[in-house]
Amino acid sequence: MSVSQNRVAKWDNTKAFLMILVVLGHAISAYINDSQFLSNIYLWLTVFHMPLFMFLTGFFSKSFVNAPRFNVNKIISYMLLFYFIKLTIHITLIFCRGKGSFSFITEKGTPWYIFVTAVFMAFTYLIKGFNRKKVLLISLLLSLAVGYVSEIGDVLTLSKMFTFYPYFFLGYMLEGDRLLCFISKKYVKAVSWIVLVIFTLGIFTVGDRILSLRYVFSGNNPYIEFGDDWYPFGALLRLGCYIFSSLVGFAVLSIMPNKKIPVFTNIGSKTLTVYSLHRQVLYILQYTVLPFAVSAMSDLWLGVIMIAGSVVISIVLSLKPFEYVLYPCTKCEKWLAPITKWLKK
């Protein structure tokens, strides 16, 4: 089955799983210092969920990058969506706590993924004629080097841009049918299960001692922030995280079922909508009902509620009506067309 012509359930199921983890990670991030169980979950998902998400983003950017003409409307739509998310989060925070946070050029919160994706797609379009293996190697070396430059941080999300581009470009490089064939082999699935079991047991055994590694996996911090002892070895630490994240990510990809699952698979086809709106929902809950729930529940029950709530939020936001909220951004070509036509006259 050609990935380019038909939807493959495995990809949608993987994206659905990752989207739920994105929601869950943002839901529990404020509580990881108070709950060992939640901190273990947070570290567990941080290892692979955004690297794999960015890999799949690159994987599905082939049609844009390989198109004969540059689709400027697609880039504009992402930039509009980026500022839509920033603005609505800002308004939500003002409503919930009396003050917001808005900057035109600095971003370390949820919208970063949208901005970075637009840049990655445009940049990859420009360099698509270059040797792919060399581009991947250079992007990897640059990502290891920039960690020593403390000035590269949240401005234009440069730190995340350098850190996550190798995942994006690797996804763009790999052929869909060959990848699907390889990860569907029985021995690959068996090894993947072993990797995930060992990984999960390891995180929940020693997670309290390695929680600080979340800063390495997030790609948002220069090496100097890892501490004086780790600073000289920052590049090696990041390289190790690349290898580990890739291993776990491919294991997740391998074990994901390749058949449609009612409701769940649909989330995977609506990830842009869920991603764009979930943070606003979480902030409303965080400043209303969550404080009471956290104080009244044990760590285990709080974790269960957080996981269930993340699934529910993802399902609800993947419903058709929420797509319409984003139409001014995602369907911008409809209102840009008259402007473009007028400019061409």
Protein backbone atom coordinates (compact mmCIF):
# COMPACT_ATOMS: atom_id res chain seq x y z
CA MET A 1 0.00 0.00 0.00
CA SER A 2 1.45 3.32 -1.00
CA VAL A 3 1.78 5.80 1.82
CA SER A 4 1.48 8.68 -0.57
CA GLN A 5 -1.90 7.55 -1.94
CA ASN A 6 -3.71 6.04 1.05
CA ARG A 7 -3.86 6.71 4.75
CA VAL A 8 -1.95 4.10 6.71
CA ALA A 9 -3.61 3.34 10.02
CA LYS A 10 -0.25 2.80 11.72
CA TRP A 11 0.78 6.40 11.11
CA ASP A 12 -2.54 7.80 12.35
CA ASN A 13 -2.50 5.54 15.40
CA THR A 14 1.04 6.63 16.21
CA LYS A 15 0.15 10.29 15.83
CA ALA A 16 -2.92 9.80 18.01
CA PHE A 17 -0.82 8.16 20.73
CA LEU A 18 1.79 10.92 20.56
CA MET A 19 -0.86 13.64 20.60
CA ILE A 20 -2.35 12.21 23.78
CA LEU A 21 1.15 12.18 25.28
CA VAL A 22 1.62 15.84 24.32
CA VAL A 23 -1.59 16.72 26.14
CA LEU A 24 -0.61 14.53 29.10
CA GLY A 25 2.87 16.03 29.31
CA HIS A 26 1.50 19.56 29.44
CA ALA A 27 -1.18 18.50 31.95
CA ILE A 28 1.28 17.03 34.46
CA SER A 29 4.25 19.35 33.93
CA ALA A 30 3.20 21.61 36.80
CA TYR A 31 3.07 18.70 39.25
CA ILE A 32 6.21 16.68 38.56
CA ASN A 33 8.07 18.16 41.54
CA ASP A 34 5.30 17.06 43.90
CA SER A 35 4.62 13.55 42.59
CA GLN A 36 7.21 10.87 41.86
CA PHE A 37 4.70 8.88 39.82
CA LEU A 38 3.88 11.87 37.61
CA SER A 39 7.55 12.81 37.26
CA ASN A 40 8.31 9.27 36.04
CA ILE A 41 5.50 9.47 33.49
CA TYR A 42 6.76 12.88 32.39
CA LEU A 43 10.32 11.66 31.88
CA TRP A 44 9.09 8.50 30.14
CA LEU A 45 7.14 10.42 27.50
CA THR A 46 9.70 13.23 27.15
CA VAL A 47 12.31 10.76 25.93
CA PHE A 48 10.52 10.00 22.67
CA HIS A 49 7.19 11.75 22.10
CA MET A 50 8.36 15.01 20.46
CA PRO A 51 11.32 13.43 18.60
CA LEU A 52 8.96 10.88 17.07
CA PHE A 53 6.31 13.55 16.46
CA MET A 54 8.87 15.65 14.60
CA PHE A 55 10.08 12.60 12.68
CA LEU A 56 6.53 11.97 11.45
CA THR A 57 6.15 15.66 10.62
CA GLY A 58 9.13 15.39 8.30
CA PHE A 59 7.81 12.09 6.99
CA PHE A 60 4.54 13.72 5.94
CA SER A 61 6.22 16.84 4.53
CA LYS A 62 7.40 15.01 1.41
CA SER A 63 4.53 16.27 -0.75
CA PHE A 64 5.32 19.87 0.20
CA VAL A 65 9.11 19.61 -0.10
CA ASN A 66 9.12 17.59 -3.33
CA ALA A 67 6.49 19.73 -5.08
CA PRO A 68 7.74 21.56 -8.18
CA ARG A 69 6.45 24.89 -6.86
CA PHE A 70 6.85 26.37 -3.41
CA ASN A 71 3.48 26.44 -1.62
CA VAL A 72 3.74 29.80 0.14
CA ASN A 73 0.14 29.57 1.37
CA LYS A 74 1.06 26.52 3.44
CA ILE A 75 3.82 28.43 5.22
CA ILE A 76 1.58 31.44 5.75
CA SER A 77 -1.09 29.19 7.27
CA TYR A 78 1.42 27.78 9.77
CA MET A 79 2.63 31.24 10.73
CA LEU A 80 -0.94 32.45 11.19
CA LEU A 81 -1.65 29.39 13.31
CA PHE A 82 1.48 30.03 15.37
CA TYR A 83 0.29 33.51 16.31
CA PHE A 84 -3.29 32.33 16.76
CA ILE A 85 -2.13 29.85 19.40
CA LYS A 86 0.08 32.45 21.08
CA LEU A 87 -2.72 35.00 21.17
CA THR A 88 -5.40 32.62 22.45
CA ILE A 89 -3.08 31.28 25.15
CA HIS A 90 -2.32 34.87 26.14
CA ILE A 91 -6.03 35.70 26.37
CA THR A 92 -6.73 32.49 28.30
CA LEU A 93 -4.05 33.29 30.86
CA ILE A 94 -5.36 36.83 31.30
CA PHE A 95 -8.82 35.41 31.88
CA CYS A 96 -7.62 32.70 34.29
CA ARG A 97 -4.90 34.44 36.33
CA GLY A 98 -5.10 38.10 35.42
CA LYS A 99 -1.93 38.25 33.32
CA GLY A 100 -0.70 36.65 30.15
CA SER A 101 2.55 36.14 28.31
CA PHE A 102 3.07 37.26 24.73
CA SER A 103 6.14 37.90 22.60
CA PHE A 104 6.41 38.19 18.83
CA ILE A 105 9.86 36.61 18.55
CA THR A 106 10.42 34.55 21.71
CA GLU A 107 8.65 31.28 22.36
CA LYS A 108 9.34 28.40 24.73
CA GLY A 109 5.80 27.10 25.16
CA THR A 110 3.35 25.08 23.07
CA PRO A 111 3.36 27.14 19.82
CA TRP A 112 7.04 26.41 19.14
CA TYR A 113 6.22 23.24 17.19
CA ILE A 114 4.08 25.13 14.66
CA PHE A 115 6.71 27.79 14.02
CA VAL A 116 9.53 25.28 13.75
CA THR A 117 7.54 23.09 11.35
CA ALA A 118 7.00 26.03 9.00
CA VAL A 119 10.72 26.85 9.04
CA PHE A 120 11.72 23.21 8.56
CA MET A 121 9.40 22.74 5.58
CA ALA A 122 10.58 25.92 3.87
CA PHE A 123 14.26 25.24 4.56
CA THR A 124 14.08 21.62 3.41
CA TYR A 125 12.37 22.73 0.20
CA LEU A 126 15.34 25.00 -0.50
CA ILE A 127 17.98 22.31 0.11
CA LYS A 128 16.14 19.29 -1.30
CA GLY A 129 18.67 18.98 -4.12
CA PHE A 130 21.60 18.47 -1.73
CA ASN A 131 23.03 15.12 -0.68
CA ARG A 132 20.62 13.92 1.99
CA LYS A 133 23.11 11.96 4.07
CA LYS A 134 25.43 14.95 4.23
CA VAL A 135 22.58 17.28 5.21
CA LEU A 136 21.58 14.90 8.03
CA LEU A 137 25.17 14.67 9.26
CA ILE A 138 25.71 18.44 9.17
CA SER A 139 22.41 19.11 10.94
CA LEU A 140 23.36 16.61 13.63
CA LEU A 141 26.81 18.14 14.15
CA LEU A 142 25.33 21.64 14.32
CA SER A 143 22.79 20.55 16.91
CA LEU A 144 25.58 19.12 19.06
CA ALA A 145 27.68 22.27 18.70
CA VAL A 146 25.06 24.95 19.36
CA GLY A 147 24.49 23.63 22.86
CA TYR A 148 27.75 25.33 23.84
CA VAL A 149 26.38 28.71 22.70
CA SER A 150 24.36 29.98 25.62
CA GLU A 151 22.89 32.86 23.57
CA ILE A 152 20.93 30.38 21.41
CA GLY A 153 17.70 29.78 23.27
CA ASP A 154 14.03 30.72 23.04
CA VAL A 155 14.39 33.61 20.56
CA LEU A 156 12.81 32.31 17.34
CA THR A 157 12.92 28.91 19.11
CA LEU A 158 16.45 28.53 17.74
CA SER A 159 17.56 25.96 20.30
CA LYS A 160 14.67 23.62 19.52
CA MET A 161 15.12 24.34 15.83
CA PHE A 162 18.68 23.03 15.81
CA THR A 163 17.86 20.14 18.14
CA PHE A 164 14.83 18.77 16.31
CA TYR A 165 15.79 19.30 12.67
CA PRO A 166 17.72 15.98 12.43
CA TYR A 167 14.53 14.13 13.42
CA PHE A 168 12.50 16.07 10.85
CA PHE A 169 15.01 15.53 8.06
CA LEU A 170 15.37 11.82 8.87
CA GLY A 171 11.61 11.49 8.51
CA TYR A 172 11.77 13.30 5.18
CA MET A 173 14.61 11.04 4.00
CA LEU A 174 13.07 7.66 4.68
CA GLU A 175 10.80 6.00 2.12
CA GLY A 176 7.38 5.18 3.53
CA ASP A 177 6.84 1.73 2.03
CA ARG A 178 10.31 0.49 2.97
CA LEU A 179 10.00 1.85 6.50
CA LEU A 180 6.56 0.26 6.94
CA CYS A 181 7.85 -3.06 5.63
CA PHE A 182 10.83 -3.06 8.01
CA ILE A 183 9.04 -2.08 11.21
CA SER A 184 6.27 -4.62 10.49
CA LYS A 185 8.63 -7.60 10.56
CA LYS A 186 7.98 -10.00 13.44
CA TYR A 187 11.53 -9.94 14.80
CA VAL A 188 11.55 -6.12 14.76
CA LYS A 189 8.29 -6.08 16.74
CA ALA A 190 9.71 -8.60 19.23
CA VAL A 191 12.85 -6.53 19.77
CA SER A 192 10.72 -3.39 20.04
CA TRP A 193 8.64 -4.88 22.85
CA ILE A 194 11.80 -5.85 24.72
CA VAL A 195 13.23 -2.34 24.30
CA LEU A 196 10.02 -0.69 25.55
CA VAL A 197 9.66 -2.99 28.55
CA ILE A 198 13.27 -2.42 29.63
CA PHE A 199 12.95 1.31 28.99
CA THR A 200 9.73 1.61 31.01
CA LEU A 201 11.04 -0.45 33.93
CA GLY A 202 14.23 1.60 33.92
CA ILE A 203 12.41 4.92 34.02
CA PHE A 204 10.09 3.87 36.84
CA THR A 205 13.03 2.43 38.79
CA VAL A 206 15.59 5.23 38.60
CA GLY A 207 13.47 8.11 37.25
CA ASP A 208 13.92 10.17 40.41
CA ARG A 209 17.68 10.20 39.88
CA ILE A 210 17.66 11.17 36.21
CA LEU A 211 14.70 13.57 36.02
CA SER A 212 17.08 16.41 35.12
CA LEU A 213 17.69 14.67 31.79
CA ARG A 214 14.35 16.08 30.65
CA TYR A 215 16.22 19.32 29.89
CA VAL A 216 18.47 17.44 27.47
CA PHE A 217 15.62 15.67 25.69
CA SER A 218 13.55 18.86 25.41
CA GLY A 219 16.26 20.57 23.36
CA ASN A 220 15.49 23.91 24.94
CA ASN A 221 18.53 24.43 27.13
CA PRO A 222 22.21 25.21 26.45
CA TYR A 223 24.69 22.82 28.03
CA ILE A 224 25.74 25.39 30.65
CA GLU A 225 22.34 24.88 32.30
CA PHE A 226 23.08 21.18 32.83
CA GLY A 227 25.58 22.15 35.52
CA ASP A 228 29.36 22.57 35.66
CA ASP A 229 29.98 18.83 35.88
CA TRP A 230 27.97 18.03 32.75
CA TYR A 231 28.87 21.09 30.66
CA PRO A 232 32.07 19.67 29.06
CA PHE A 233 30.19 16.52 28.07
CA GLY A 234 27.07 18.26 26.79
CA ALA A 235 27.55 17.17 23.17
CA LEU A 236 28.05 13.54 24.16
CA LEU A 237 25.00 13.73 26.40
CA ARG A 238 22.86 15.12 23.58
CA LEU A 239 24.21 12.54 21.14
CA GLY A 240 23.30 9.80 23.59
CA CYS A 241 19.82 11.24 23.86
CA TYR A 242 19.50 11.27 20.06
CA ILE A 243 20.38 7.59 19.92
CA PHE A 244 18.14 6.65 22.86
CA SER A 245 15.16 8.70 21.64
CA SER A 246 15.46 7.23 18.15
CA LEU A 247 15.65 3.66 19.47
CA VAL A 248 12.59 4.07 21.69
CA GLY A 249 10.72 6.04 19.02
CA PHE A 250 11.18 3.36 16.36
CA ALA A 251 10.13 0.72 18.89
CA VAL A 252 6.89 2.64 19.51
CA LEU A 253 6.37 2.97 15.77
CA SER A 254 6.90 -0.75 15.27
CA ILE A 255 4.42 -2.01 17.85
CA MET A 256 1.65 0.39 16.88
CA PRO A 257 -1.27 -1.52 15.29
CA ASN A 258 -1.82 -1.03 11.58
CA LYS A 259 -5.61 -1.10 11.66
CA LYS A 260 -8.25 1.51 12.29
CA ILE A 261 -9.35 1.82 15.90
CA PRO A 262 -12.71 3.54 16.40
CA VAL A 263 -12.34 7.11 17.73
CA PHE A 264 -8.62 6.66 18.50
CA THR A 265 -7.40 6.60 14.88
CA ASN A 266 -9.39 9.73 14.11
CA ILE A 267 -7.30 11.68 16.64
CA GLY A 268 -4.25 10.93 14.51
CA SER A 269 -5.81 12.59 11.49
CA LYS A 270 -6.69 15.74 13.49
CA THR A 271 -3.49 16.32 15.45
CA LEU A 272 -3.07 19.90 14.20
CA THR A 273 -6.45 20.85 15.67
CA VAL A 274 -5.83 19.08 18.97
CA TYR A 275 -2.35 20.54 19.29
CA SER A 276 -3.55 24.07 18.56
CA LEU A 277 -6.34 24.10 21.15
CA HIS A 278 -5.38 21.74 23.97
CA ARG A 279 -3.16 24.13 25.94
CA GLN A 280 -5.93 26.67 26.32
CA VAL A 281 -8.24 23.96 27.68
CA LEU A 282 -5.56 22.77 30.12
CA TYR A 283 -4.94 26.28 31.43
CA ILE A 284 -8.64 26.72 32.14
CA LEU A 285 -8.70 23.42 34.04
CA GLN A 286 -5.41 24.17 35.79
CA TYR A 287 -6.76 27.39 37.26
CA THR A 288 -10.22 26.07 38.14
CA VAL A 289 -10.82 22.41 39.03
CA LEU A 290 -7.32 20.88 39.03
CA PRO A 291 -6.06 22.49 42.28
CA PHE A 292 -8.91 20.82 44.18
CA ALA A 293 -8.36 17.48 42.45
CA VAL A 294 -4.61 17.47 43.13
CA SER A 295 -5.05 18.12 46.85
CA ALA A 296 -7.67 15.39 47.26
CA MET A 297 -6.05 12.51 45.34
CA SER A 298 -3.16 10.12 45.75
CA ASP A 299 -0.35 10.12 43.19
CA LEU A 300 -1.67 7.00 41.50
CA TRP A 301 -5.25 8.21 41.18
CA LEU A 302 -4.07 11.63 40.03
CA GLY A 303 -2.02 9.94 37.32
CA VAL A 304 -5.00 7.87 36.22
CA ILE A 305 -7.23 10.96 36.08
CA MET A 306 -4.59 12.89 34.13
CA ILE A 307 -4.21 10.10 31.58
CA ALA A 308 -7.96 9.64 31.19
CA GLY A 309 -8.48 13.40 30.96
CA SER A 310 -5.81 13.72 28.26
CA VAL A 311 -7.53 11.03 26.21
CA VAL A 312 -10.92 12.75 26.60
CA ILE A 313 -9.52 16.18 25.67
CA SER A 314 -7.84 14.71 22.59
CA ILE A 315 -11.03 12.96 21.50
CA VAL A 316 -13.21 16.03 21.98
CA LEU A 317 -10.84 18.43 20.22
CA SER A 318 -10.52 16.03 17.26
CA LEU A 319 -14.23 16.44 16.51
CA LYS A 320 -15.15 18.27 13.32
CA PRO A 321 -16.55 21.51 14.87
CA PHE A 322 -13.15 22.40 16.34
CA GLU A 323 -11.57 22.32 12.89
CA TYR A 324 -13.72 25.29 11.93
CA VAL A 325 -12.10 27.38 14.68
CA LEU A 326 -8.79 27.12 12.83
CA TYR A 327 -10.16 27.69 9.31
CA PRO A 328 -9.04 31.37 9.12
CA CYS A 329 -5.50 30.00 9.49
CA THR A 330 -5.57 26.56 7.86
CA LYS A 331 -7.74 27.64 4.92
CA CYS A 332 -6.03 30.98 4.42
CA GLU A 333 -5.64 30.40 0.66
CA LYS A 334 -9.36 31.11 0.25
CA TRP A 335 -9.08 34.64 1.55
CA LEU A 336 -5.54 35.16 0.26
CA ALA A 337 -6.49 34.28 -3.32
CA PRO A 338 -8.25 37.61 -4.07
CA ILE A 339 -5.29 39.52 -2.63
CA THR A 340 -2.82 37.47 -4.69
CA LYS A 341 -4.91 37.94 -7.81
CA TRP A 342 -5.06 41.69 -7.26
CA LEU A 343 -1.28 41.89 -6.74
CA LYS A 344 -0.66 40.05 -10.00
CA LYS A 345 -2.70 42.54 -12.03
